[in-house]
Structure formats: C-alpha cells, structure tokens
Amino acid sequence: MAQQQKRQNVIAWRSLAAVGLHWTPAKGSASYTLELCPDGLIDRDDPVLWPMVRDDEPLRPGLPRLRYRLGANGDRREPLVEAVQRYAPHLWFGETERERGYGGLPDTRGHRERSGDRTR
C-alpha cells in the first residue's frame, strides 16, 4: 500500500503587503475572516493553498485582487489577530465590516480546469 504524501505550504509574513480582519453580522454574533493580501502575484492553483484564494476588490491601490481568506470564527479569531499584531504589526490594517456573503467560495471549477486537479 502506497503511503500518501502529506501536503503543506506556508504563507510567509515577508510575502504579504497587508493583513486584516473582515466581519459581517451573523445570527447572534458575527462571522470573521482573516484577509492576507500578498505583496505581488500568487499561485491561485497552489496544491495546498488554492482553497483559500479569493478574487476580490483590492483593499487599497497597489494591492492585487487575489488574496488568501481564512475563516476566523470561534476560538480562531483571537489567536490569529494576536499573531499578526505580534509578528507583523506593520501589515495590520484593522477590522472592516463587510456585506453578508462576502466570503465566497473557492474557485473549484476554475482550479480544476487550470490545473487538471481531480482530487476535489
């Protein structure tokens, strides 16, 4: 039996131009995402990171449309925000309220077409 290779990848602080938190009101609380805005182009079909890639309006001039979006609900929100503020405070753009449904979904169809990935 062949052993499956464990896939992993890292988004380095030095590869980012801005990081912040988006949120939207939800039933009884709020829904949060951590927005990681790269300092340049990213591989939208990275074998590990592609499910986190979103195409959205740039947060400010000079930032690309493609960024990484991580769910930050529940117990994840505080540790993620603390990590950014501790290790990369110069990247922090703060918290921004967004419209419902802004989070979107990964571009599964586009990813399959571009990469030939049949695993998802």
Protein backbone atom coordinates (compact mmCIF):
# COMPACT_ATOMS: atom_id res chain seq x y z
CA MET A 1 0.00 0.00 0.00
CA ALA A 2 1.46 3.33 -1.05
CA GLN A 3 1.83 5.92 1.66
CA GLN A 4 0.12 9.25 0.90
CA GLN A 5 2.34 12.30 0.93
CA LYS A 6 1.30 14.99 3.39
CA ARG A 7 0.90 18.34 1.62
CA GLN A 8 1.69 21.60 3.33
CA ASN A 9 2.62 25.11 2.42
CA VAL A 10 3.34 28.33 4.26
CA ILE A 11 2.34 31.92 3.65
CA ALA A 12 5.40 33.87 4.82
CA TRP A 13 4.96 37.23 6.52
CA ARG A 14 7.53 38.69 4.11
CA SER A 15 5.27 37.76 1.17
CA LEU A 16 2.40 39.93 2.44
CA ALA A 17 1.59 43.59 1.95
CA ALA A 18 -1.39 43.81 4.33
CA VAL A 19 -3.38 41.68 6.79
CA GLY A 20 -6.67 42.41 8.48
CA LEU A 21 -9.97 41.08 9.67
CA HIS A 22 -13.26 41.28 7.80
CA TRP A 23 -16.52 40.57 9.56
CA THR A 24 -20.22 40.55 8.92
CA PRO A 25 -23.15 40.32 11.34
CA ALA A 26 -24.47 36.79 11.73
CA LYS A 27 -27.25 35.25 13.81
CA GLY A 28 -26.43 36.12 17.42
CA SER A 29 -22.78 37.03 16.71
CA ALA A 30 -20.53 37.85 13.77
CA SER A 31 -18.69 35.91 11.07
CA TYR A 32 -14.96 36.65 10.64
CA THR A 33 -12.26 36.07 8.04
CA LEU A 34 -8.58 36.92 8.14
CA GLU A 35 -7.54 38.61 4.89
CA LEU A 36 -3.93 38.01 3.80
CA CYS A 37 -3.05 40.39 0.96
CA PRO A 38 0.10 39.40 -0.93
CA ASP A 39 2.85 41.75 -1.98
CA GLY A 40 2.60 40.69 -5.61
CA LEU A 41 1.16 37.79 -7.54
CA ILE A 42 0.23 34.44 -6.00
CA ASP A 43 -0.33 30.98 -7.47
CA ARG A 44 -4.12 30.67 -7.44
CA ASP A 45 -3.72 26.92 -8.08
CA ASP A 46 -1.17 26.10 -5.39
CA PRO A 47 -1.81 22.43 -4.49
CA VAL A 48 -2.44 23.30 -0.83
CA LEU A 49 -3.42 26.96 -0.63
CA TRP A 50 -5.84 27.27 -3.58
CA PRO A 51 -8.99 26.76 -1.44
CA MET A 52 -8.12 29.96 0.45
CA VAL A 53 -7.58 32.14 -2.64
CA ARG A 54 -10.27 34.73 -3.32
CA ASP A 55 -10.63 37.29 -6.11
CA ASP A 56 -11.97 40.48 -4.56
CA GLU A 57 -11.60 44.23 -4.96
CA PRO A 58 -8.19 45.39 -3.70
CA LEU A 59 -8.31 46.84 -0.20
CA ARG A 60 -6.24 49.80 -1.35
CA PRO A 61 -4.41 50.90 -4.51
CA GLY A 62 -1.36 48.80 -5.27
CA LEU A 63 -2.69 45.57 -3.79
CA PRO A 64 -3.63 42.71 -6.13
CA ARG A 65 -7.17 41.34 -6.47
CA LEU A 66 -6.13 37.81 -5.44
CA ARG A 67 -5.66 37.22 -1.72
CA TYR A 68 -5.88 34.48 0.87
CA ARG A 69 -9.03 34.34 3.03
CA LEU A 70 -9.03 32.21 6.19
CA GLY A 71 -12.08 31.54 8.33
CA ALA A 72 -11.53 33.11 11.74
CA ASN A 73 -14.69 32.25 13.66
CA GLY A 74 -14.94 30.97 17.21
CA ASP A 75 -11.71 30.22 19.02
CA ARG A 76 -9.58 31.03 15.96
CA ARG A 77 -10.20 34.78 15.78
CA GLU A 78 -8.23 36.00 18.81
CA PRO A 79 -5.08 33.87 18.27
CA LEU A 80 -4.92 34.85 14.59
CA VAL A 81 -5.28 38.56 15.32
CA GLU A 82 -2.74 38.34 18.17
CA ALA A 83 -0.23 36.56 15.89
CA VAL A 84 -0.50 39.25 13.21
CA GLN A 85 -0.21 42.08 15.71
CA ARG A 86 2.78 40.40 17.38
CA TYR A 87 4.79 39.20 14.37
CA ALA A 88 3.77 41.67 11.66
CA PRO A 89 2.18 44.78 13.20
CA HIS A 90 3.28 46.84 10.18
CA LEU A 91 0.92 44.77 8.00
CA TRP A 92 -2.22 45.14 10.15
CA PHE A 93 -4.97 47.23 8.51
CA GLY A 94 -7.55 46.60 11.22
CA GLU A 95 -11.11 45.30 11.12
CA THR A 96 -13.60 46.08 8.38
CA GLU A 97 -17.32 45.32 8.27
CA ARG A 98 -18.43 43.69 5.02
CA GLU A 99 -21.75 42.79 3.43
CA ARG A 100 -23.31 39.37 4.05
CA GLY A 101 -21.98 36.68 1.74
CA TYR A 102 -18.69 38.46 1.02
CA GLY A 103 -16.65 35.36 1.98
CA GLY A 104 -17.36 33.48 -1.20
CA LEU A 105 -16.21 30.00 -2.08
CA PRO A 106 -13.05 28.68 -3.68
CA ASP A 107 -12.99 28.68 -7.49
CA THR A 108 -13.22 24.87 -7.67
CA ARG A 109 -14.30 24.71 -11.31
CA GLY A 110 -11.61 27.15 -12.44
CA HIS A 111 -8.98 25.34 -10.39
CA ARG A 112 -9.88 22.01 -11.99
CA GLU A 113 -9.77 23.50 -15.47
CA ARG A 114 -6.46 25.27 -14.95
CA SER A 115 -4.63 22.54 -13.04
CA GLY A 116 -6.30 19.27 -14.04
CA ASP A 117 -6.79 18.56 -10.31
CA ARG A 118 -9.35 15.78 -9.97
CA THR A 119 -8.96 15.21 -6.23
CA ARG A 120 -11.64 17.65 -5.11
